[in-house]
Amino acid sequence: MARLTTASGRRLVAGIPTLWLLVLFLIPFIIVFRISFSEVRLAIPPYTPLLTWRHGRPDLYLNIFSRAHDGLSVIGFIEFASAAGS
């Protein structure tokens, strides 16, 4: 019984700071993720929402490719793929 108490106590003592650090890491990561995949707009907040509701369903919009530089992203991907293959 004492062995079980010490093992669970050790997990609790190590788990609380680990959970705290994980939460403090994920909150800024989620904020940066939202901003990086959205479009810029002149409003508050200065980006469009990623998730909107249309016809009762969630609609996820990720701005992965810029409309102004479509060819540039393709060239960048090709250069990356060729460098990774070397």
C-alpha atoms as a PDB file:
ATOM      1  CA  MET A   1       0.000   0.000   0.000  1.00  0.00           C
ATOM      2  CA  ALA A   2       2.823   2.403   0.835  1.00  0.00           C
ATOM      3  CA  ARG A   3       4.479   1.666  -2.516  1.00  0.00           C
ATOM      4  CA  LEU A   4       1.278   2.645  -4.374  1.00  0.00           C
ATOM      5  CA  THR A   5       0.989   5.897  -2.419  1.00  0.00           C
ATOM      6  CA  THR A   6       4.540   6.969  -3.173  1.00  0.00           C
ATOM      7  CA  ALA A   7       4.216   6.150  -6.879  1.00  0.00           C
ATOM      8  CA  SER A   8       0.992   8.103  -7.275  1.00  0.00           C
ATOM      9  CA  GLY A   9       2.391  10.933  -5.188  1.00  0.00           C
ATOM     10  CA  ARG A  10       5.454  11.159  -7.422  1.00  0.00           C
ATOM     11  CA  ARG A  11       3.255  11.245 -10.510  1.00  0.00           C
ATOM     12  CA  LEU A  12       1.152  13.993  -8.979  1.00  0.00           C
ATOM     13  CA  VAL A  13       4.186  16.062  -7.985  1.00  0.00           C
ATOM     14  CA  ALA A  14       5.712  15.698 -11.458  1.00  0.00           C
ATOM     15  CA  GLY A  15       2.391  15.986 -13.300  1.00  0.00           C
ATOM     16  CA  ILE A  16       1.240  19.345 -11.945  1.00  0.00           C
ATOM     17  CA  PRO A  17       4.236  21.377 -13.231  1.00  0.00           C
ATOM     18  CA  THR A  18       4.221  19.412 -16.484  1.00  0.00           C
ATOM     19  CA  LEU A  19       0.552  20.204 -17.042  1.00  0.00           C
ATOM     20  CA  TRP A  20       1.146  23.855 -16.140  1.00  0.00           C
ATOM     21  CA  LEU A  21       4.012  24.165 -18.653  1.00  0.00           C
ATOM     22  CA  LEU A  22       1.987  22.406 -21.320  1.00  0.00           C
ATOM     23  CA  VAL A  23      -0.906  24.837 -20.881  1.00  0.00           C
ATOM     24  CA  LEU A  24       1.420  27.842 -20.915  1.00  0.00           C
ATOM     25  CA  PHE A  25       3.011  26.556 -24.131  1.00  0.00           C
ATOM     26  CA  LEU A  26      -0.247  25.724 -25.913  1.00  0.00           C
ATOM     27  CA  ILE A  27      -2.033  29.035 -25.360  1.00  0.00           C
ATOM     28  CA  PRO A  28       0.521  31.162 -27.294  1.00  0.00           C
ATOM     29  CA  PHE A  29       0.890  28.401 -29.879  1.00  0.00           C
ATOM     30  CA  ILE A  30      -2.863  28.435 -30.562  1.00  0.00           C
ATOM     31  CA  ILE A  31      -2.885  32.235 -30.849  1.00  0.00           C
ATOM     32  CA  VAL A  32       0.008  32.231 -33.335  1.00  0.00           C
ATOM     33  CA  PHE A  33      -1.598  29.369 -35.278  1.00  0.00           C
ATOM     34  CA  ARG A  34      -4.834  31.333 -35.638  1.00  0.00           C
ATOM     35  CA  ILE A  35      -3.088  34.488 -36.794  1.00  0.00           C
ATOM     36  CA  SER A  36      -0.714  32.757 -39.202  1.00  0.00           C
ATOM     37  CA  PHE A  37      -3.460  30.994 -41.177  1.00  0.00           C
ATOM     38  CA  SER A  38      -5.923  33.879 -41.374  1.00  0.00           C
ATOM     39  CA  GLU A  39      -6.280  36.838 -43.691  1.00  0.00           C
ATOM     40  CA  VAL A  40      -5.439  40.368 -42.613  1.00  0.00           C
ATOM     41  CA  ARG A  41      -8.277  42.844 -42.226  1.00  0.00           C
ATOM     42  CA  LEU A  42      -8.600  46.352 -40.853  1.00  0.00           C
ATOM     43  CA  ALA A  43     -10.656  45.630 -37.753  1.00  0.00           C
ATOM     44  CA  ILE A  44     -10.359  44.355 -34.218  1.00  0.00           C
ATOM     45  CA  PRO A  45      -9.122  41.597 -34.123  1.00  0.00           C
ATOM     46  CA  PRO A  46      -6.942  42.314 -37.171  1.00  0.00           C
ATOM     47  CA  TYR A  47      -7.473  38.888 -38.749  1.00  0.00           C
ATOM     48  CA  THR A  48     -10.402  36.890 -40.050  1.00  0.00           C
ATOM     49  CA  PRO A  49     -11.762  34.003 -37.988  1.00  0.00           C
ATOM     50  CA  LEU A  50     -10.633  30.518 -38.931  1.00  0.00           C
ATOM     51  CA  LEU A  51     -13.856  28.782 -37.964  1.00  0.00           C
ATOM     52  CA  THR A  52     -17.266  30.072 -39.021  1.00  0.00           C
ATOM     53  CA  TRP A  53     -20.670  28.408 -38.953  1.00  0.00           C
ATOM     54  CA  ARG A  54     -22.507  28.038 -42.273  1.00  0.00           C
ATOM     55  CA  HIS A  55     -25.768  26.136 -42.622  1.00  0.00           C
ATOM     56  CA  GLY A  56     -25.343  24.590 -39.184  1.00  0.00           C
ATOM     57  CA  ARG A  57     -21.890  23.203 -39.960  1.00  0.00           C
ATOM     58  CA  PRO A  58     -18.445  24.485 -39.023  1.00  0.00           C
ATOM     59  CA  ASP A  59     -16.503  25.920 -41.956  1.00  0.00           C
ATOM     60  CA  LEU A  60     -12.714  25.925 -41.500  1.00  0.00           C
ATOM     61  CA  TYR A  61     -10.803  28.404 -43.653  1.00  0.00           C
ATOM     62  CA  LEU A  62      -7.014  28.244 -43.742  1.00  0.00           C
ATOM     63  CA  ASN A  63      -5.212  30.847 -45.826  1.00  0.00           C
ATOM     64  CA  ILE A  64      -2.349  28.572 -46.848  1.00  0.00           C
ATOM     65  CA  PHE A  65      -1.626  29.951 -50.316  1.00  0.00           C
ATOM     66  CA  SER A  66      -1.457  33.658 -50.987  1.00  0.00           C
ATOM     67  CA  ARG A  67      -3.517  34.698 -53.982  1.00  0.00           C
ATOM     68  CA  ALA A  68      -0.922  37.241 -55.079  1.00  0.00           C
ATOM     69  CA  HIS A  69       2.029  34.845 -55.123  1.00  0.00           C
ATOM     70  CA  ASP A  70       0.676  31.436 -56.149  1.00  0.00           C
ATOM     71  CA  GLY A  71       3.602  30.799 -58.474  1.00  0.00           C
ATOM     72  CA  LEU A  72       6.085  31.796 -55.799  1.00  0.00           C
ATOM     73  CA  SER A  73       4.794  29.204 -53.333  1.00  0.00           C
ATOM     74  CA  VAL A  74       5.001  26.470 -55.977  1.00  0.00           C
ATOM     75  CA  ILE A  75       8.585  27.455 -56.831  1.00  0.00           C
ATOM     76  CA  GLY A  76       9.472  27.499 -53.129  1.00  0.00           C
ATOM     77  CA  PHE A  77       7.993  24.029 -52.649  1.00  0.00           C
ATOM     78  CA  ILE A  78       9.890  22.668 -55.635  1.00  0.00           C
ATOM     79  CA  GLU A  79      13.146  24.130 -54.356  1.00  0.00           C
ATOM     80  CA  PHE A  80      12.491  22.705 -50.896  1.00  0.00           C
ATOM     81  CA  ALA A  81      11.667  19.256 -52.277  1.00  0.00           C
ATOM     82  CA  SER A  82      14.806  19.225 -54.422  1.00  0.00           C
ATOM     83  CA  ALA A  83      16.967  20.302 -51.476  1.00  0.00           C
ATOM     84  CA  ALA A  84      15.404  17.657 -49.237  1.00  0.00           C
ATOM     85  CA  GLY A  85      16.059  14.981 -51.839  1.00  0.00           C
ATOM     86  CA  SER A  86      19.753  15.864 -52.140  1.00  0.00           C
END
